[in-house]
Amino acid sequence: MRAVADPGPAVGSVPMLALLQELSARAWPVSPLRHSGDLAWQLAGRLDGLSIVAVDDAAAGFVDGEDGLCVLVDPARAELLDDLLDHFDSRTVLTVDTDHALLDRLRRRGYRPDTAGWWSRQIRHSLTGLPEPVLPPGFSLRQMTAFDLVERVAVHRAAWHPSQQTEQRYRQVMATPTYRPEFDLVVRIPDGRFVANCLGWLDPITRVGVFEPVGTHPDFRRQGLGSAVCLAVMHALRAAGATECVVYPVLGHPTSVAYPLYRSLGFTDGPEVRRYVR
């Protein structure tokens, strides 16, 4: 294969994140494993520390912590899956159950589902007929601005404690080309504090939006704030041309609490995301 090991943010003249996002969109009908917004949120500021390999402009793979190997391959070039699996020889590979080309190859190589660890499921919601968000009296929705950075990071850290989020890393997220402040919404209480947030992302090719991440301050949970801010982001995504919104709640873990929230909003089950190991 013609592989390009990437020590920095670009392969040739194509920024690496943009290449990964393009491949995510091309693979989406067969392998909705990573939305382009997931990639922006999770990889912003971290590309230099990842081992990434691209094959021409049709396939790429990278290893990311306990998730193991993630591959993004144009369905028309499924044979390149073998090149990436050979190159990385990873013990763990992240999969989605609609990607039969990848799953068949993994089974032949002796991989089996990781039944001991966490797993996830894509759940989805059409963006037609959305209800309006409802907040308690005195609470309001606010679009993120650069002046809100300190408070925005603070509510994320409170919701996801212990969190490694920093103001510097959030600036890197905001600097990604697919970040749009109209999808970065917070709930503000009368004293001005932010107590809930939802960051949405829109893939302009698939016209699918995603939440990544969503959180509510522990002192303000069970008041409908998470539902309200998610609905507000769904309205914003629809206004920008999205037809569907997805999210990937973690399941099979003691801290897995998001799934019931999304189901209460009307999200329905989609493909299963699971690690395969050998």
C-alpha atoms as a PDB file:
ATOM      1  CA  MET A   1       0.000   0.000   0.000  1.00  0.00           C
ATOM      2  CA  ARG A   2       1.040   3.620  -0.351  1.00  0.00           C
ATOM      3  CA  ALA A   3       0.858   4.566   3.312  1.00  0.00           C
ATOM      4  CA  VAL A   4       1.721   7.936   4.780  1.00  0.00           C
ATOM      5  CA  ALA A   5       2.584   7.872   8.468  1.00  0.00           C
ATOM      6  CA  ASP A   6       1.537  11.238   9.831  1.00  0.00           C
ATOM      7  CA  PRO A   7       3.769  12.869  12.463  1.00  0.00           C
ATOM      8  CA  GLY A   8       1.785  16.097  12.406  1.00  0.00           C
ATOM      9  CA  PRO A   9      -1.499  17.607  11.317  1.00  0.00           C
ATOM     10  CA  ALA A  10      -1.327  17.095   7.559  1.00  0.00           C
ATOM     11  CA  VAL A  11      -0.888  14.558   4.809  1.00  0.00           C
ATOM     12  CA  GLY A  12       0.440  16.456   1.843  1.00  0.00           C
ATOM     13  CA  SER A  13      -1.626  19.618   1.616  1.00  0.00           C
ATOM     14  CA  VAL A  14      -4.731  18.110   3.219  1.00  0.00           C
ATOM     15  CA  PRO A  15      -5.136  18.811   6.950  1.00  0.00           C
ATOM     16  CA  MET A  16      -5.342  15.494   8.746  1.00  0.00           C
ATOM     17  CA  LEU A  17      -8.505  16.293  10.671  1.00  0.00           C
ATOM     18  CA  ALA A  18     -10.234  17.356   7.448  1.00  0.00           C
ATOM     19  CA  LEU A  19      -9.166  14.117   5.769  1.00  0.00           C
ATOM     20  CA  LEU A  20     -10.515  12.028   8.647  1.00  0.00           C
ATOM     21  CA  GLN A  21     -13.782  13.964   8.576  1.00  0.00           C
ATOM     22  CA  GLU A  22     -14.137  13.510   4.818  1.00  0.00           C
ATOM     23  CA  LEU A  23     -13.546   9.773   5.160  1.00  0.00           C
ATOM     24  CA  SER A  24     -16.075   9.634   7.990  1.00  0.00           C
ATOM     25  CA  ALA A  25     -18.725  11.100   5.692  1.00  0.00           C
ATOM     26  CA  ARG A  26     -17.836   8.772   2.813  1.00  0.00           C
ATOM     27  CA  ALA A  27     -17.966   5.729   5.090  1.00  0.00           C
ATOM     28  CA  TRP A  28     -21.139   6.842   6.883  1.00  0.00           C
ATOM     29  CA  PRO A  29     -23.755   4.840   4.886  1.00  0.00           C
ATOM     30  CA  VAL A  30     -21.904   1.596   5.683  1.00  0.00           C
ATOM     31  CA  SER A  31     -19.917   2.453   8.811  1.00  0.00           C
ATOM     32  CA  PRO A  32     -21.388   5.253  10.955  1.00  0.00           C
ATOM     33  CA  LEU A  33     -18.613   4.709  13.485  1.00  0.00           C
ATOM     34  CA  ARG A  34     -17.286   8.224  13.980  1.00  0.00           C
ATOM     35  CA  HIS A  35     -19.208  11.357  13.053  1.00  0.00           C
ATOM     36  CA  SER A  36     -17.050  14.210  11.807  1.00  0.00           C
ATOM     37  CA  GLY A  37     -18.075  16.161  14.907  1.00  0.00           C
ATOM     38  CA  ASP A  38     -16.900  13.357  17.188  1.00  0.00           C
ATOM     39  CA  LEU A  39     -13.540  13.528  15.452  1.00  0.00           C
ATOM     40  CA  ALA A  40     -13.295  17.300  15.903  1.00  0.00           C
ATOM     41  CA  TRP A  41     -14.169  17.161  19.601  1.00  0.00           C
ATOM     42  CA  GLN A  42     -12.029  14.162  20.466  1.00  0.00           C
ATOM     43  CA  LEU A  43      -8.956  14.899  18.334  1.00  0.00           C
ATOM     44  CA  ALA A  44      -8.641  18.700  18.456  1.00  0.00           C
ATOM     45  CA  GLY A  45      -5.200  19.509  19.796  1.00  0.00           C
ATOM     46  CA  ARG A  46      -4.262  15.830  20.010  1.00  0.00           C
ATOM     47  CA  LEU A  47      -3.325  14.893  16.443  1.00  0.00           C
ATOM     48  CA  ASP A  48       0.392  15.313  17.067  1.00  0.00           C
ATOM     49  CA  GLY A  49       0.236  12.638  19.745  1.00  0.00           C
ATOM     50  CA  LEU A  50      -1.565  10.004  17.690  1.00  0.00           C
ATOM     51  CA  SER A  51      -0.211   7.383  15.333  1.00  0.00           C
ATOM     52  CA  ILE A  52      -2.169   8.016  12.128  1.00  0.00           C
ATOM     53  CA  VAL A  53      -1.758   6.291   8.787  1.00  0.00           C
ATOM     54  CA  ALA A  54      -3.508   7.334   5.576  1.00  0.00           C
ATOM     55  CA  VAL A  55      -3.706   5.295   2.362  1.00  0.00           C
ATOM     56  CA  ASP A  56      -3.993   7.659  -0.586  1.00  0.00           C
ATOM     57  CA  ASP A  57      -7.155   9.631   0.180  1.00  0.00           C
ATOM     58  CA  ALA A  58      -9.378   6.568   0.563  1.00  0.00           C
ATOM     59  CA  ALA A  59      -8.592   5.172   4.007  1.00  0.00           C
ATOM     60  CA  ALA A  60      -7.084   6.133   7.329  1.00  0.00           C
ATOM     61  CA  GLY A  61      -6.582   4.575  10.716  1.00  0.00           C
ATOM     62  CA  PHE A  62      -5.433   5.710  14.132  1.00  0.00           C
ATOM     63  CA  VAL A  63      -5.071   4.212  17.593  1.00  0.00           C
ATOM     64  CA  ASP A  64      -6.725   6.151  20.390  1.00  0.00           C
ATOM     65  CA  GLY A  65      -6.310   4.858  23.920  1.00  0.00           C
ATOM     66  CA  GLU A  66      -8.544   2.052  25.140  1.00  0.00           C
ATOM     67  CA  ASP A  67     -10.748   2.336  22.047  1.00  0.00           C
ATOM     68  CA  GLY A  68      -7.921   0.774  20.087  1.00  0.00           C
ATOM     69  CA  LEU A  69      -7.749   1.062  16.327  1.00  0.00           C
ATOM     70  CA  CYS A  70     -10.332   3.166  14.496  1.00  0.00           C
ATOM     71  CA  VAL A  71     -10.467   2.789  10.712  1.00  0.00           C
ATOM     72  CA  LEU A  72     -12.256   5.084   8.276  1.00  0.00           C
ATOM     73  CA  VAL A  73     -12.422   3.625   4.776  1.00  0.00           C
ATOM     74  CA  ASP A  74     -14.222   4.581   1.600  1.00  0.00           C
ATOM     75  CA  PRO A  75     -16.663   1.660   1.002  1.00  0.00           C
ATOM     76  CA  ALA A  76     -15.536   1.497  -2.617  1.00  0.00           C
ATOM     77  CA  ARG A  77     -12.003   0.655  -1.382  1.00  0.00           C
ATOM     78  CA  ALA A  78     -12.828  -1.941   1.284  1.00  0.00           C
ATOM     79  CA  GLU A  79      -9.682  -3.909   0.372  1.00  0.00           C
ATOM     80  CA  LEU A  80      -7.670  -1.200   2.124  1.00  0.00           C
ATOM     81  CA  LEU A  81      -9.020  -2.465   5.445  1.00  0.00           C
ATOM     82  CA  ASP A  82      -6.489  -5.298   5.211  1.00  0.00           C
ATOM     83  CA  ASP A  83      -3.643  -2.818   4.753  1.00  0.00           C
ATOM     84  CA  LEU A  84      -4.621  -0.886   7.873  1.00  0.00           C
ATOM     85  CA  LEU A  85      -5.175  -4.009   9.979  1.00  0.00           C
ATOM     86  CA  ASP A  86      -1.791  -5.367   8.877  1.00  0.00           C
ATOM     87  CA  HIS A  87      -0.015  -2.101   9.566  1.00  0.00           C
ATOM     88  CA  PHE A  88      -1.349  -1.510  13.073  1.00  0.00           C
ATOM     89  CA  ASP A  89      -1.706  -5.136  14.193  1.00  0.00           C
ATOM     90  CA  SER A  90      -3.772  -3.768  17.084  1.00  0.00           C
ATOM     91  CA  ARG A  91      -5.110  -5.982  19.856  1.00  0.00           C
ATOM     92  CA  THR A  92      -8.314  -3.888  19.973  1.00  0.00           C
ATOM     93  CA  VAL A  93     -10.394  -2.540  17.067  1.00  0.00           C
ATOM     94  CA  LEU A  94     -13.445  -0.315  17.350  1.00  0.00           C
ATOM     95  CA  THR A  95     -16.359  -1.513  15.220  1.00  0.00           C
ATOM     96  CA  VAL A  96     -19.967  -0.783  14.310  1.00  0.00           C
ATOM     97  CA  ASP A  97     -22.270  -3.698  13.552  1.00  0.00           C
ATOM     98  CA  THR A  98     -23.245  -2.421  10.098  1.00  0.00           C
ATOM     99  CA  ASP A  99     -19.663  -2.606   8.797  1.00  0.00           C
ATOM    100  CA  HIS A 100     -19.724  -6.199   7.572  1.00  0.00           C
ATOM    101  CA  ALA A 101     -16.531  -5.845   5.535  1.00  0.00           C
ATOM    102  CA  LEU A 102     -14.553  -4.959   8.654  1.00  0.00           C
ATOM    103  CA  LEU A 103     -16.283  -7.482  10.911  1.00  0.00           C
ATOM    104  CA  ASP A 104     -15.687 -10.341   8.451  1.00  0.00           C
ATOM    105  CA  ARG A 105     -11.979  -9.510   8.319  1.00  0.00           C
ATOM    106  CA  LEU A 106     -11.706  -9.265  12.090  1.00  0.00           C
ATOM    107  CA  ARG A 107     -13.373 -12.642  12.648  1.00  0.00           C
ATOM    108  CA  ARG A 108     -11.040 -14.294  10.149  1.00  0.00           C
ATOM    109  CA  ARG A 109      -8.107 -12.821  12.061  1.00  0.00           C
ATOM    110  CA  GLY A 110      -9.324 -14.235  15.375  1.00  0.00           C
ATOM    111  CA  TYR A 111     -10.975 -11.144  16.869  1.00  0.00           C
ATOM    112  CA  ARG A 112     -14.051 -11.511  19.065  1.00  0.00           C
ATOM    113  CA  PRO A 113     -16.430  -8.987  20.682  1.00  0.00           C
ATOM    114  CA  ASP A 114     -15.190  -7.527  23.956  1.00  0.00           C
ATOM    115  CA  THR A 115     -18.056  -8.598  26.219  1.00  0.00           C
ATOM    116  CA  ALA A 116     -16.321  -7.500  29.419  1.00  0.00           C
ATOM    117  CA  GLY A 117     -15.967  -3.784  28.671  1.00  0.00           C
ATOM    118  CA  TRP A 118     -18.229  -0.893  27.851  1.00  0.00           C
ATOM    119  CA  TRP A 119     -20.064  -0.612  24.592  1.00  0.00           C
ATOM    120  CA  SER A 120     -22.132   2.034  22.854  1.00  0.00           C
ATOM    121  CA  ARG A 121     -25.019   2.413  20.475  1.00  0.00           C
ATOM    122  CA  GLN A 122     -25.798   5.061  17.927  1.00  0.00           C
ATOM    123  CA  ILE A 123     -29.251   6.424  18.625  1.00  0.00           C
ATOM    124  CA  ARG A 124     -30.986   8.758  16.220  1.00  0.00           C
ATOM    125  CA  HIS A 125     -33.750  11.308  15.937  1.00  0.00           C
ATOM    126  CA  SER A 126     -35.396  12.866  12.891  1.00  0.00           C
ATOM    127  CA  LEU A 127     -35.369  16.655  13.020  1.00  0.00           C
ATOM    128  CA  THR A 128     -38.983  17.044  11.927  1.00  0.00           C
ATOM    129  CA  GLY A 129     -41.781  17.933  14.322  1.00  0.00           C
ATOM    130  CA  LEU A 130     -39.521  18.953  17.198  1.00  0.00           C
ATOM    131  CA  PRO A 131     -41.119  20.318  20.395  1.00  0.00           C
ATOM    132  CA  GLU A 132     -39.870  23.588  21.812  1.00  0.00           C
ATOM    133  CA  PRO A 133     -37.427  23.494  24.748  1.00  0.00           C
ATOM    134  CA  VAL A 134     -38.916  24.334  28.143  1.00  0.00           C
ATOM    135  CA  LEU A 135     -36.880  25.820  31.004  1.00  0.00           C
ATOM    136  CA  PRO A 136     -37.693  26.721  34.623  1.00  0.00           C
ATOM    137  CA  PRO A 137     -38.630  30.382  35.249  1.00  0.00           C
ATOM    138  CA  GLY A 138     -35.620  32.675  35.117  1.00  0.00           C
ATOM    139  CA  PHE A 139     -33.434  30.167  33.253  1.00  0.00           C
ATOM    140  CA  SER A 140     -32.344  30.987  29.696  1.00  0.00           C
ATOM    141  CA  LEU A 141     -30.516  29.531  26.709  1.00  0.00           C
ATOM    142  CA  ARG A 142     -27.361  31.225  25.489  1.00  0.00           C
ATOM    143  CA  GLN A 143     -25.097  30.749  22.500  1.00  0.00           C
ATOM    144  CA  MET A 144     -21.430  30.365  23.319  1.00  0.00           C
ATOM    145  CA  THR A 145     -19.104  33.293  22.590  1.00  0.00           C
ATOM    146  CA  ALA A 146     -15.356  33.659  22.996  1.00  0.00           C
ATOM    147  CA  PHE A 147     -16.024  35.788  26.085  1.00  0.00           C
ATOM    148  CA  ASP A 148     -17.766  32.837  27.762  1.00  0.00           C
ATOM    149  CA  LEU A 149     -14.779  30.504  27.599  1.00  0.00           C
ATOM    150  CA  VAL A 150     -13.982  30.341  31.330  1.00  0.00           C
ATOM    151  CA  GLU A 151     -17.577  29.687  32.357  1.00  0.00           C
ATOM    152  CA  ARG A 152     -18.111  27.262  29.477  1.00  0.00           C
ATOM    153  CA  VAL A 153     -15.139  25.148  30.501  1.00  0.00           C
ATOM    154  CA  ALA A 154     -16.206  25.317  34.143  1.00  0.00           C
ATOM    155  CA  VAL A 155     -19.645  23.808  33.493  1.00  0.00           C
ATOM    156  CA  HIS A 156     -18.115  21.067  31.365  1.00  0.00           C
ATOM    157  CA  ARG A 157     -15.614  20.207  34.101  1.00  0.00           C
ATOM    158  CA  ALA A 158     -18.358  20.136  36.730  1.00  0.00           C
ATOM    159  CA  ALA A 159     -20.602  17.916  34.609  1.00  0.00           C
ATOM    160  CA  TRP A 160     -17.791  15.509  33.681  1.00  0.00           C
ATOM    161  CA  HIS A 161     -15.789  15.520  36.911  1.00  0.00           C
ATOM    162  CA  PRO A 162     -13.005  14.493  36.934  1.00  0.00           C
ATOM    163  CA  SER A 163     -12.327  16.144  33.586  1.00  0.00           C
ATOM    164  CA  GLN A 164      -9.151  17.022  31.726  1.00  0.00           C
ATOM    165  CA  GLN A 165     -10.852  19.800  29.777  1.00  0.00           C
ATOM    166  CA  THR A 166      -8.969  23.102  29.828  1.00  0.00           C
ATOM    167  CA  GLU A 167      -9.473  26.548  28.361  1.00  0.00           C
ATOM    168  CA  GLN A 168      -6.578  25.926  25.975  1.00  0.00           C
ATOM    169  CA  ARG A 169      -8.070  22.702  24.685  1.00  0.00           C
ATOM    170  CA  TYR A 170     -11.494  24.299  24.270  1.00  0.00           C
ATOM    171  CA  ARG A 171      -9.887  27.048  22.205  1.00  0.00           C
ATOM    172  CA  GLN A 172      -8.486  24.306  19.976  1.00  0.00           C
ATOM    173  CA  VAL A 173     -11.976  22.816  19.621  1.00  0.00           C
ATOM    174  CA  MET A 174     -13.365  26.224  18.684  1.00  0.00           C
ATOM    175  CA  ALA A 175     -10.600  26.627  16.099  1.00  0.00           C
ATOM    176  CA  THR A 176     -11.586  23.491  14.162  1.00  0.00           C
ATOM    177  CA  PRO A 177     -13.227  24.360  10.821  1.00  0.00           C
ATOM    178  CA  THR A 178     -16.447  22.485  11.630  1.00  0.00           C
ATOM    179  CA  TYR A 179     -17.060  24.181  14.998  1.00  0.00           C
ATOM    180  CA  ARG A 180     -20.058  26.532  14.840  1.00  0.00           C
ATOM    181  CA  PRO A 181     -21.027  28.640  17.863  1.00  0.00           C
ATOM    182  CA  GLU A 182     -24.730  28.466  16.996  1.00  0.00           C
ATOM    183  CA  PHE A 183     -24.562  24.777  17.936  1.00  0.00           C
ATOM    184  CA  ASP A 184     -22.705  25.424  21.223  1.00  0.00           C
ATOM    185  CA  LEU A 185     -25.494  26.252  23.655  1.00  0.00           C
ATOM    186  CA  VAL A 186     -25.668  26.572  27.427  1.00  0.00           C
ATOM    187  CA  VAL A 187     -28.362  27.029  30.054  1.00  0.00           C
ATOM    188  CA  ARG A 188     -27.818  30.090  32.228  1.00  0.00           C
ATOM    189  CA  ILE A 189     -29.447  30.638  35.622  1.00  0.00           C
ATOM    190  CA  PRO A 190     -30.519  34.069  36.929  1.00  0.00           C
ATOM    191  CA  ASP A 191     -27.178  34.730  38.687  1.00  0.00           C
ATOM    192  CA  GLY A 192     -25.370  34.301  35.346  1.00  0.00           C
ATOM    193  CA  ARG A 193     -23.784  30.892  35.896  1.00  0.00           C
ATOM    194  CA  PHE A 194     -23.850  28.226  33.216  1.00  0.00           C
ATOM    195  CA  VAL A 195     -25.352  24.976  34.513  1.00  0.00           C
ATOM    196  CA  ALA A 196     -25.933  22.801  31.416  1.00  0.00           C
ATOM    197  CA  ASN A 197     -24.489  22.587  27.933  1.00  0.00           C
ATOM    198  CA  CYS A 198     -24.774  20.821  24.613  1.00  0.00           C
ATOM    199  CA  LEU A 199     -22.324  21.106  21.747  1.00  0.00           C
ATOM    200  CA  GLY A 200     -23.681  20.055  18.372  1.00  0.00           C
ATOM    201  CA  TRP A 201     -21.847  19.384  15.131  1.00  0.00           C
ATOM    202  CA  LEU A 202     -23.172  19.204  11.570  1.00  0.00           C
ATOM    203  CA  ASP A 203     -21.690  17.118   8.784  1.00  0.00           C
ATOM    204  CA  PRO A 204     -22.607  19.065   5.631  1.00  0.00           C
ATOM    205  CA  ILE A 205     -22.198  16.004   3.392  1.00  0.00           C
ATOM    206  CA  THR A 206     -24.431  13.557   5.268  1.00  0.00           C
ATOM    207  CA  ARG A 207     -26.613  16.339   6.748  1.00  0.00           C
ATOM    208  CA  VAL A 208     -26.471  14.476  10.059  1.00  0.00           C
ATOM    209  CA  GLY A 209     -25.859  16.292  13.335  1.00  0.00           C
ATOM    210  CA  VAL A 210     -24.367  14.877  16.508  1.00  0.00           C
ATOM    211  CA  PHE A 211     -24.146  15.888  20.171  1.00  0.00           C
ATOM    212  CA  GLU A 212     -20.609  15.844  21.548  1.00  0.00           C
ATOM    213  CA  PRO A 213     -20.641  16.506  24.457  1.00  0.00           C
ATOM    214  CA  VAL A 214     -23.699  17.109  26.679  1.00  0.00           C
ATOM    215  CA  GLY A 215     -23.562  17.794  30.402  1.00  0.00           C
ATOM    216  CA  THR A 216     -25.405  19.247  33.393  1.00  0.00           C
ATOM    217  CA  HIS A 217     -23.888  20.540  36.618  1.00  0.00           C
ATOM    218  CA  PRO A 218     -24.552  17.980  39.399  1.00  0.00           C
ATOM    219  CA  ASP A 219     -26.413  20.562  41.508  1.00  0.00           C
ATOM    220  CA  PHE A 220     -28.940  21.188  38.738  1.00  0.00           C
ATOM    221  CA  ARG A 221     -29.772  17.737  37.431  1.00  0.00           C
ATOM    222  CA  ARG A 222     -33.293  16.296  37.138  1.00  0.00           C
ATOM    223  CA  GLN A 223     -34.782  19.676  36.225  1.00  0.00           C
ATOM    224  CA  GLY A 224     -35.086  19.038  32.482  1.00  0.00           C
ATOM    225  CA  LEU A 225     -32.107  21.237  31.614  1.00  0.00           C
ATOM    226  CA  GLY A 226     -30.289  18.573  29.586  1.00  0.00           C
ATOM    227  CA  SER A 227     -33.434  17.887  27.561  1.00  0.00           C
ATOM    228  CA  ALA A 228     -34.015  21.586  26.948  1.00  0.00           C
ATOM    229  CA  VAL A 229     -30.505  22.401  25.761  1.00  0.00           C
ATOM    230  CA  CYS A 230     -30.411  19.293  23.518  1.00  0.00           C
ATOM    231  CA  LEU A 231     -33.713  20.274  21.922  1.00  0.00           C
ATOM    232  CA  ALA A 232     -32.416  23.794  21.343  1.00  0.00           C
ATOM    233  CA  VAL A 233     -29.356  22.416  19.552  1.00  0.00           C
ATOM    234  CA  MET A 234     -31.578  20.126  17.471  1.00  0.00           C
ATOM    235  CA  HIS A 235     -33.578  23.158  16.348  1.00  0.00           C
ATOM    236  CA  ALA A 236     -30.339  24.944  15.420  1.00  0.00           C
ATOM    237  CA  LEU A 237     -29.101  21.919  13.472  1.00  0.00           C
ATOM    238  CA  ARG A 238     -32.373  21.690  11.572  1.00  0.00           C
ATOM    239  CA  ALA A 239     -32.230  25.401  10.732  1.00  0.00           C
ATOM    240  CA  ALA A 240     -28.767  24.813   9.253  1.00  0.00           C
ATOM    241  CA  GLY A 241     -29.971  21.988   6.991  1.00  0.00           C
ATOM    242  CA  ALA A 242     -29.593  18.839   9.088  1.00  0.00           C
ATOM    243  CA  THR A 243     -32.221  16.132   8.652  1.00  0.00           C
ATOM    244  CA  GLU A 244     -31.211  13.847  11.522  1.00  0.00           C
ATOM    245  CA  CYS A 245     -29.348  13.978  14.823  1.00  0.00           C
ATOM    246  CA  VAL A 246     -27.406  11.107  16.383  1.00  0.00           C
ATOM    247  CA  VAL A 247     -25.576  10.526  19.632  1.00  0.00           C
ATOM    248  CA  TYR A 248     -23.481   7.678  21.006  1.00  0.00           C
ATOM    249  CA  PRO A 249     -24.261   7.097  24.707  1.00  0.00           C
ATOM    250  CA  VAL A 250     -21.963   4.710  26.541  1.00  0.00           C
ATOM    251  CA  LEU A 251     -23.667   1.575  27.809  1.00  0.00           C
ATOM    252  CA  GLY A 252     -22.536  -1.246  30.053  1.00  0.00           C
ATOM    253  CA  HIS A 253     -20.699   1.087  32.437  1.00  0.00           C
ATOM    254  CA  PRO A 254     -21.625   2.177  36.006  1.00  0.00           C
ATOM    255  CA  THR A 255     -21.657   5.839  34.956  1.00  0.00           C
ATOM    256  CA  SER A 256     -23.883   5.261  31.917  1.00  0.00           C
ATOM    257  CA  VAL A 257     -26.761   7.659  32.612  1.00  0.00           C
ATOM    258  CA  ALA A 258     -27.317   9.466  29.306  1.00  0.00           C
ATOM    259  CA  TYR A 259     -29.253   6.789  27.425  1.00  0.00           C
ATOM    260  CA  PRO A 260     -32.570   7.315  29.308  1.00  0.00           C
ATOM    261  CA  LEU A 261     -32.343  11.073  28.682  1.00  0.00           C
ATOM    262  CA  TYR A 262     -32.055  10.636  24.934  1.00  0.00           C
ATOM    263  CA  ARG A 263     -34.765   7.987  24.824  1.00  0.00           C
ATOM    264  CA  SER A 264     -37.078  10.400  26.661  1.00  0.00           C
ATOM    265  CA  LEU A 265     -36.443  12.899  23.866  1.00  0.00           C
ATOM    266  CA  GLY A 266     -37.577  10.352  21.270  1.00  0.00           C
ATOM    267  CA  PHE A 267     -34.236   8.985  20.063  1.00  0.00           C
ATOM    268  CA  THR A 268     -34.461   5.439  18.710  1.00  0.00           C
ATOM    269  CA  ASP A 269     -31.860   2.685  18.639  1.00  0.00           C
ATOM    270  CA  GLY A 270     -29.426   2.388  15.768  1.00  0.00           C
ATOM    271  CA  PRO A 271     -26.225   0.399  15.178  1.00  0.00           C
ATOM    272  CA  GLU A 272     -24.165  -1.049  18.023  1.00  0.00           C
ATOM    273  CA  VAL A 273     -20.599   0.150  18.551  1.00  0.00           C
ATOM    274  CA  ARG A 274     -18.294  -2.322  20.249  1.00  0.00           C
ATOM    275  CA  ARG A 275     -14.627  -3.134  20.587  1.00  0.00           C
ATOM    276  CA  TYR A 276     -13.310  -6.359  19.110  1.00  0.00           C
ATOM    277  CA  VAL A 277     -10.264  -7.914  20.781  1.00  0.00           C
ATOM    278  CA  ARG A 278      -7.898 -10.827  20.328  1.00  0.00           C
END
